Structure formats: C-alpha cells, structure tokens
C-alpha cells in the first residue's frame, strides 16, 4: 500500500465526536477516568486525545446532536485505525455500562458497537 493511500485511509480515523445524553458532566468525567479536568482540558484514552465539553448546540430536543455533553476524540500521530476504534469503543462501553446513552459521529461508526 502506498504512503499516500495510508494517509488517506487514516484521515477517516482522525477524529470522532461522541454525543452523550447526560447533563451530569462530573459523572461522565469520572466514568471516563479523567477526574480533575475542566471542560477545556484534554486527556488520553489509548491512542486518542479526548476533551469532554458541554455541547454548544444543546437543544434538549429529541435528536442526539442536541444532547448536553460531547466527548471530542482526536487520534494521536501514532494511532492506527484499529487503536482509534478500540479507544472510542471503550468510551461507548463505559457510558453504556452506566446506562447513559451515547452515539458517535464519525466516519467509522459502522465499526463501533453502539
């Protein structure tokens, strides 16, 4: 596979937003093991950097794009597609285990169990 093709393939795995149906920001932070961070601080989970923030587009409506919290995930330089999928899946699993609805918005949604 050419270097150009690898770069193009990995762009699809560069980022993902996970919308979270909870207004308990502190709980979401604790579930993702990033205690002590404020909304503007990032931390790592596996091969991704995460930022947990209040959703600026929160509407309280029925659609997931209006849910109160968004976890912004950005792959680090050494990330492989498989490691990015695994890291995002771990976020979804932690939230699901706590019975909090979460939906990803990214190019690789079909590779996630949500």
Protein backbone atom coordinates (compact mmCIF):
# COMPACT_ATOMS: atom_id res chain seq x y z
CA UNK A 1 0.00 0.00 0.00
CA UNK A 2 1.40 3.40 -0.90
CA UNK A 3 2.19 6.02 1.73
CA UNK A 4 -0.40 8.32 0.14
CA UNK A 5 -3.09 5.63 0.44
CA UNK A 6 -2.20 5.04 4.12
CA UNK A 7 -2.57 8.74 4.87
CA UNK A 8 -5.93 8.91 3.08
CA UNK A 9 -7.19 5.84 4.92
CA UNK A 10 -6.15 7.21 8.33
CA UNK A 11 -7.85 10.59 7.78
CA UNK A 12 -11.15 8.77 8.25
CA UNK A 13 -9.95 7.79 11.73
CA UNK A 14 -8.56 11.20 12.72
CA UNK A 15 -11.48 12.27 14.90
CA UNK A 16 -14.82 11.33 16.35
CA UNK A 17 -17.41 13.10 18.44
CA UNK A 18 -19.40 11.10 20.97
CA UNK A 19 -22.66 12.76 21.95
CA UNK A 20 -23.75 11.93 25.50
CA UNK A 21 -27.32 12.07 26.81
CA UNK A 22 -26.48 13.24 30.31
CA UNK A 23 -26.30 16.62 31.93
CA UNK A 24 -24.03 15.27 34.70
CA UNK A 25 -20.66 16.45 33.43
CA UNK A 26 -18.79 15.29 36.56
CA UNK A 27 -20.20 11.78 36.29
CA UNK A 28 -19.18 11.49 32.64
CA UNK A 29 -15.68 12.69 33.55
CA UNK A 30 -15.42 10.10 36.33
CA UNK A 31 -16.68 7.31 34.08
CA UNK A 32 -14.01 8.11 31.53
CA UNK A 33 -11.35 8.30 34.27
CA UNK A 34 -10.37 11.88 33.60
CA UNK A 35 -11.13 13.35 37.04
CA UNK A 36 -9.84 16.78 37.82
CA UNK A 37 -10.10 18.13 34.28
CA UNK A 38 -12.11 21.13 33.29
CA UNK A 39 -14.06 21.39 30.05
CA UNK A 40 -11.10 22.83 28.15
CA UNK A 41 -8.55 20.22 29.24
CA UNK A 42 -7.63 17.16 27.26
CA UNK A 43 -6.52 13.74 28.39
CA UNK A 44 -5.64 10.48 26.65
CA UNK A 45 -7.52 7.23 26.37
CA UNK A 46 -5.49 4.70 24.44
CA UNK A 47 -4.38 6.28 21.17
CA UNK A 48 -6.75 9.24 21.27
CA UNK A 49 -6.83 12.61 22.99
CA UNK A 50 -10.20 13.43 24.48
CA UNK A 51 -11.91 16.61 25.52
CA UNK A 52 -15.17 16.48 27.42
CA UNK A 53 -17.28 19.57 26.87
CA UNK A 54 -20.77 20.90 27.17
CA UNK A 55 -22.43 20.73 23.77
CA UNK A 56 -22.73 24.25 22.39
CA UNK A 57 -25.67 23.08 20.27
CA UNK A 58 -27.60 21.54 23.16
CA UNK A 59 -31.28 21.91 22.44
CA UNK A 60 -32.94 19.44 24.76
CA UNK A 61 -34.68 18.10 21.68
CA UNK A 62 -35.07 14.51 20.65
CA UNK A 63 -32.04 14.23 18.38
CA UNK A 64 -28.64 13.16 19.66
CA UNK A 65 -26.94 16.28 18.22
CA UNK A 66 -28.73 18.25 20.93
CA UNK A 67 -27.58 16.09 23.86
CA UNK A 68 -25.85 18.04 26.67
CA UNK A 69 -22.30 16.64 26.50
CA UNK A 70 -19.89 15.89 23.69
CA UNK A 71 -16.66 13.93 24.01
CA UNK A 72 -14.32 15.10 21.28
CA UNK A 73 -11.81 12.41 20.29
CA UNK A 74 -8.70 13.09 18.22
CA UNK A 75 -6.25 10.39 17.16
CA UNK A 76 -2.61 10.93 18.08
CA UNK A 77 0.09 10.62 15.42
CA UNK A 78 0.97 7.02 16.27
CA UNK A 79 -2.62 5.82 16.19
CA UNK A 80 -3.71 3.05 13.88
CA UNK A 81 -7.31 2.72 12.69
CA UNK A 82 -7.77 -0.31 14.96
CA UNK A 83 -6.44 1.54 18.03
CA UNK A 84 -8.74 4.50 17.39
CA UNK A 85 -11.78 2.25 17.04
CA UNK A 86 -10.80 0.44 20.24
CA UNK A 87 -10.36 3.66 22.22
CA UNK A 88 -13.69 5.11 21.08
CA UNK A 89 -15.37 1.78 21.79
CA UNK A 90 -14.01 1.91 25.36
CA UNK A 91 -15.72 5.29 25.81
CA UNK A 92 -19.01 3.91 24.49
CA UNK A 93 -18.70 0.83 26.73
CA UNK A 94 -18.07 2.89 29.88
CA UNK A 95 -21.10 5.06 29.22
CA UNK A 96 -23.30 2.11 28.27
CA UNK A 97 -22.34 0.25 31.43
CA UNK A 98 -23.60 3.26 33.41
CA UNK A 99 -26.80 3.21 31.32
CA UNK A 100 -26.03 6.54 29.70
CA UNK A 101 -26.96 6.85 26.05
CA UNK A 102 -24.10 7.83 23.76
CA UNK A 103 -23.80 7.98 20.00
CA UNK A 104 -20.66 8.53 17.94
CA UNK A 105 -20.47 10.79 14.92
CA UNK A 106 -17.52 9.79 12.74
CA UNK A 107 -16.57 8.07 9.50
CA UNK A 108 -16.05 4.71 11.23
CA UNK A 109 -19.38 4.44 13.06
CA UNK A 110 -20.08 1.12 11.35
CA UNK A 111 -17.05 -0.39 13.12
CA UNK A 112 -18.39 0.52 16.57
CA UNK A 113 -20.86 -1.42 18.70
CA UNK A 114 -23.28 1.21 19.95
